[in-house]
Amino acid sequence: MKSSFVFLIMYFFSLSCFSNEDVEFTISANKSGTVFLVTAKGQTDIGNELLDSWYKKANELCGTKKLIVEPNNGKPIVRNTSCGDAIKIENGIQKCDLIKATVFDKVTCVAT
């Protein structure tokens, strides 16, 4: 019974979910539901504009437990929109494939 519950939690958190702020979250959880990989993507090109939503989601996941962001000194990794490695051709013009702004990191929830 416990393993099926854990499976459902992992399945739910592995799905992308949308908030009303047009931020898309991808969340993966460990079996015990205490460690999460949280990624936020949105319509913005500026990663810092996603930070509040990322922290809000991380706090929701931990509930009453203490939130620890690691390994980046307690701050998630913030990336602005940039060119990826892939190249595409549009109307005969070579362009880089854009990677949208993201906020990502590992969140650990510990009892206080």
C-alpha atoms as a PDB file:
ATOM      1  CA  MET A   1       0.000   0.000   0.000  1.00  0.00           C
ATOM      2  CA  LYS A   2       2.789   2.414   0.941  1.00  0.00           C
ATOM      3  CA  SER A   3       4.682   1.800  -2.306  1.00  0.00           C
ATOM      4  CA  SER A   4       1.594   2.500  -4.423  1.00  0.00           C
ATOM      5  CA  PHE A   5       1.047   5.756  -2.496  1.00  0.00           C
ATOM      6  CA  VAL A   6       4.675   6.767  -3.089  1.00  0.00           C
ATOM      7  CA  PHE A   7       4.299   5.864  -6.770  1.00  0.00           C
ATOM      8  CA  LEU A   8       1.241   8.097  -7.070  1.00  0.00           C
ATOM      9  CA  ILE A   9       3.074  10.976  -5.400  1.00  0.00           C
ATOM     10  CA  MET A  10       6.063  10.566  -7.718  1.00  0.00           C
ATOM     11  CA  TYR A  11       3.776  10.319 -10.755  1.00  0.00           C
ATOM     12  CA  PHE A  12       1.864  13.452  -9.758  1.00  0.00           C
ATOM     13  CA  PHE A  13       4.979  15.501  -9.118  1.00  0.00           C
ATOM     14  CA  SER A  14       6.709  14.286 -12.283  1.00  0.00           C
ATOM     15  CA  LEU A  15       3.955  15.796 -14.391  1.00  0.00           C
ATOM     16  CA  SER A  16       4.240  19.372 -15.469  1.00  0.00           C
ATOM     17  CA  CYS A  17       1.722  21.588 -13.760  1.00  0.00           C
ATOM     18  CA  PHE A  18       0.725  25.137 -14.540  1.00  0.00           C
ATOM     19  CA  SER A  19       0.024  27.979 -12.174  1.00  0.00           C
ATOM     20  CA  ASN A  20      -2.167  30.949 -12.948  1.00  0.00           C
ATOM     21  CA  GLU A  21       1.022  32.997 -13.470  1.00  0.00           C
ATOM     22  CA  ASP A  22       1.852  31.124 -16.713  1.00  0.00           C
ATOM     23  CA  VAL A  23       4.779  29.396 -15.052  1.00  0.00           C
ATOM     24  CA  GLU A  24       5.283  25.734 -15.883  1.00  0.00           C
ATOM     25  CA  PHE A  25       6.769  23.514 -13.190  1.00  0.00           C
ATOM     26  CA  THR A  26       8.463  20.169 -13.642  1.00  0.00           C
ATOM     27  CA  ILE A  27       8.875  18.357 -10.344  1.00  0.00           C
ATOM     28  CA  SER A  28      10.514  15.017  -9.603  1.00  0.00           C
ATOM     29  CA  ALA A  29      10.464  13.476  -6.122  1.00  0.00           C
ATOM     30  CA  ASN A  30      12.335  10.736  -4.316  1.00  0.00           C
ATOM     31  CA  LYS A  31      10.436   7.769  -2.885  1.00  0.00           C
ATOM     32  CA  SER A  32      10.048   9.304   0.557  1.00  0.00           C
ATOM     33  CA  GLY A  33       8.798  12.623  -0.841  1.00  0.00           C
ATOM     34  CA  THR A  34      11.424  14.679   0.978  1.00  0.00           C
ATOM     35  CA  VAL A  35      13.755  15.564  -1.907  1.00  0.00           C
ATOM     36  CA  PHE A  36      12.534  17.288  -5.059  1.00  0.00           C
ATOM     37  CA  LEU A  37      14.065  18.553  -8.279  1.00  0.00           C
ATOM     38  CA  VAL A  38      12.086  21.669  -9.144  1.00  0.00           C
ATOM     39  CA  THR A  39      12.234  23.485 -12.481  1.00  0.00           C
ATOM     40  CA  ALA A  40      10.209  26.581 -13.357  1.00  0.00           C
ATOM     41  CA  LYS A  41       9.810  27.863 -16.931  1.00  0.00           C
ATOM     42  CA  GLY A  42       7.666  30.732 -18.135  1.00  0.00           C
ATOM     43  CA  GLN A  43       6.989  33.220 -20.886  1.00  0.00           C
ATOM     44  CA  THR A  44       9.700  35.572 -19.664  1.00  0.00           C
ATOM     45  CA  ASP A  45      13.262  35.781 -20.954  1.00  0.00           C
ATOM     46  CA  ILE A  46      14.540  36.860 -17.521  1.00  0.00           C
ATOM     47  CA  GLY A  47      15.131  34.040 -15.050  1.00  0.00           C
ATOM     48  CA  ASN A  48      14.849  36.265 -11.965  1.00  0.00           C
ATOM     49  CA  GLU A  49      11.192  36.905 -12.831  1.00  0.00           C
ATOM     50  CA  LEU A  50      10.526  33.209 -12.107  1.00  0.00           C
ATOM     51  CA  LEU A  51      12.181  33.183  -8.664  1.00  0.00           C
ATOM     52  CA  ASP A  52       9.121  34.080  -6.574  1.00  0.00           C
ATOM     53  CA  SER A  53       7.034  31.382  -8.254  1.00  0.00           C
ATOM     54  CA  TRP A  54       9.843  28.845  -7.820  1.00  0.00           C
ATOM     55  CA  TYR A  55      10.185  29.577  -4.077  1.00  0.00           C
ATOM     56  CA  LYS A  56       6.405  29.496  -3.639  1.00  0.00           C
ATOM     57  CA  LYS A  57       6.214  26.040  -5.253  1.00  0.00           C
ATOM     58  CA  ALA A  58       9.198  24.773  -3.224  1.00  0.00           C
ATOM     59  CA  ASN A  59       7.569  25.960   0.017  1.00  0.00           C
ATOM     60  CA  GLU A  60       4.275  24.300  -0.978  1.00  0.00           C
ATOM     61  CA  LEU A  61       6.107  21.010  -1.497  1.00  0.00           C
ATOM     62  CA  CYS A  62       7.760  21.163   1.937  1.00  0.00           C
ATOM     63  CA  GLY A  63       4.679  22.334   3.824  1.00  0.00           C
ATOM     64  CA  THR A  64       5.628  22.789   7.484  1.00  0.00           C
ATOM     65  CA  LYS A  65       9.096  21.290   7.020  1.00  0.00           C
ATOM     66  CA  LYS A  66      12.230  23.396   6.621  1.00  0.00           C
ATOM     67  CA  LEU A  67      13.229  24.006   3.008  1.00  0.00           C
ATOM     68  CA  ILE A  68      16.879  23.553   2.049  1.00  0.00           C
ATOM     69  CA  VAL A  69      18.060  24.473  -1.454  1.00  0.00           C
ATOM     70  CA  GLU A  70      21.300  22.773  -2.436  1.00  0.00           C
ATOM     71  CA  PRO A  71      24.030  22.710  -3.557  1.00  0.00           C
ATOM     72  CA  ASN A  72      24.217  26.360  -4.685  1.00  0.00           C
ATOM     73  CA  ASN A  73      24.575  28.074  -1.257  1.00  0.00           C
ATOM     74  CA  GLY A  74      20.828  28.018  -0.694  1.00  0.00           C
ATOM     75  CA  LYS A  75      19.948  29.732  -3.975  1.00  0.00           C
ATOM     76  CA  PRO A  76      18.416  28.051  -7.025  1.00  0.00           C
ATOM     77  CA  ILE A  77      20.171  28.149 -10.392  1.00  0.00           C
ATOM     78  CA  VAL A  78      18.739  30.959 -12.531  1.00  0.00           C
ATOM     79  CA  ARG A  79      19.184  31.026 -16.304  1.00  0.00           C
ATOM     80  CA  ASN A  80      17.974  33.688 -18.720  1.00  0.00           C
ATOM     81  CA  THR A  81      16.782  32.793 -22.219  1.00  0.00           C
ATOM     82  CA  SER A  82      19.821  31.909 -24.315  1.00  0.00           C
ATOM     83  CA  CYS A  83      20.933  30.096 -27.436  1.00  0.00           C
ATOM     84  CA  GLY A  84      21.128  26.335 -27.198  1.00  0.00           C
ATOM     85  CA  ASP A  85      23.487  24.053 -29.115  1.00  0.00           C
ATOM     86  CA  ALA A  86      20.918  23.302 -31.833  1.00  0.00           C
ATOM     87  CA  ILE A  87      20.666  25.398 -34.973  1.00  0.00           C
ATOM     88  CA  LYS A  88      17.513  25.816 -37.063  1.00  0.00           C
ATOM     89  CA  ILE A  89      16.907  27.451 -40.416  1.00  0.00           C
ATOM     90  CA  GLU A  90      13.953  29.823 -40.797  1.00  0.00           C
ATOM     91  CA  ASN A  91      13.313  31.467 -44.171  1.00  0.00           C
ATOM     92  CA  GLY A  92      16.835  30.569 -45.257  1.00  0.00           C
ATOM     93  CA  ILE A  93      18.377  32.225 -42.194  1.00  0.00           C
ATOM     94  CA  GLN A  94      20.340  30.186 -39.681  1.00  0.00           C
ATOM     95  CA  LYS A  95      19.214  30.799 -36.078  1.00  0.00           C
ATOM     96  CA  CYS A  96      20.030  29.262 -32.741  1.00  0.00           C
ATOM     97  CA  ASP A  97      17.365  27.249 -30.950  1.00  0.00           C
ATOM     98  CA  LEU A  98      16.341  29.368 -27.947  1.00  0.00           C
ATOM     99  CA  ILE A  99      16.209  27.838 -24.486  1.00  0.00           C
ATOM    100  CA  LYS A 100      13.651  29.727 -22.372  1.00  0.00           C
ATOM    101  CA  ALA A 101      14.539  31.209 -18.996  1.00  0.00           C
ATOM    102  CA  THR A 102      14.468  28.699 -16.129  1.00  0.00           C
ATOM    103  CA  VAL A 103      14.978  28.391 -12.401  1.00  0.00           C
ATOM    104  CA  PHE A 104      16.149  24.974 -11.186  1.00  0.00           C
ATOM    105  CA  ASP A 105      17.557  23.229  -8.151  1.00  0.00           C
ATOM    106  CA  LYS A 106      17.280  20.441  -5.620  1.00  0.00           C
ATOM    107  CA  VAL A 107      14.947  21.052  -2.677  1.00  0.00           C
ATOM    108  CA  THR A 108      15.226  19.001   0.512  1.00  0.00           C
ATOM    109  CA  CYS A 109      12.464  19.148   3.125  1.00  0.00           C
ATOM    110  CA  VAL A 110      13.613  18.420   6.688  1.00  0.00           C
ATOM    111  CA  ALA A 111      11.699  18.262   9.947  1.00  0.00           C
ATOM    112  CA  THR A 112      12.203  21.306  12.151  1.00  0.00           C
END
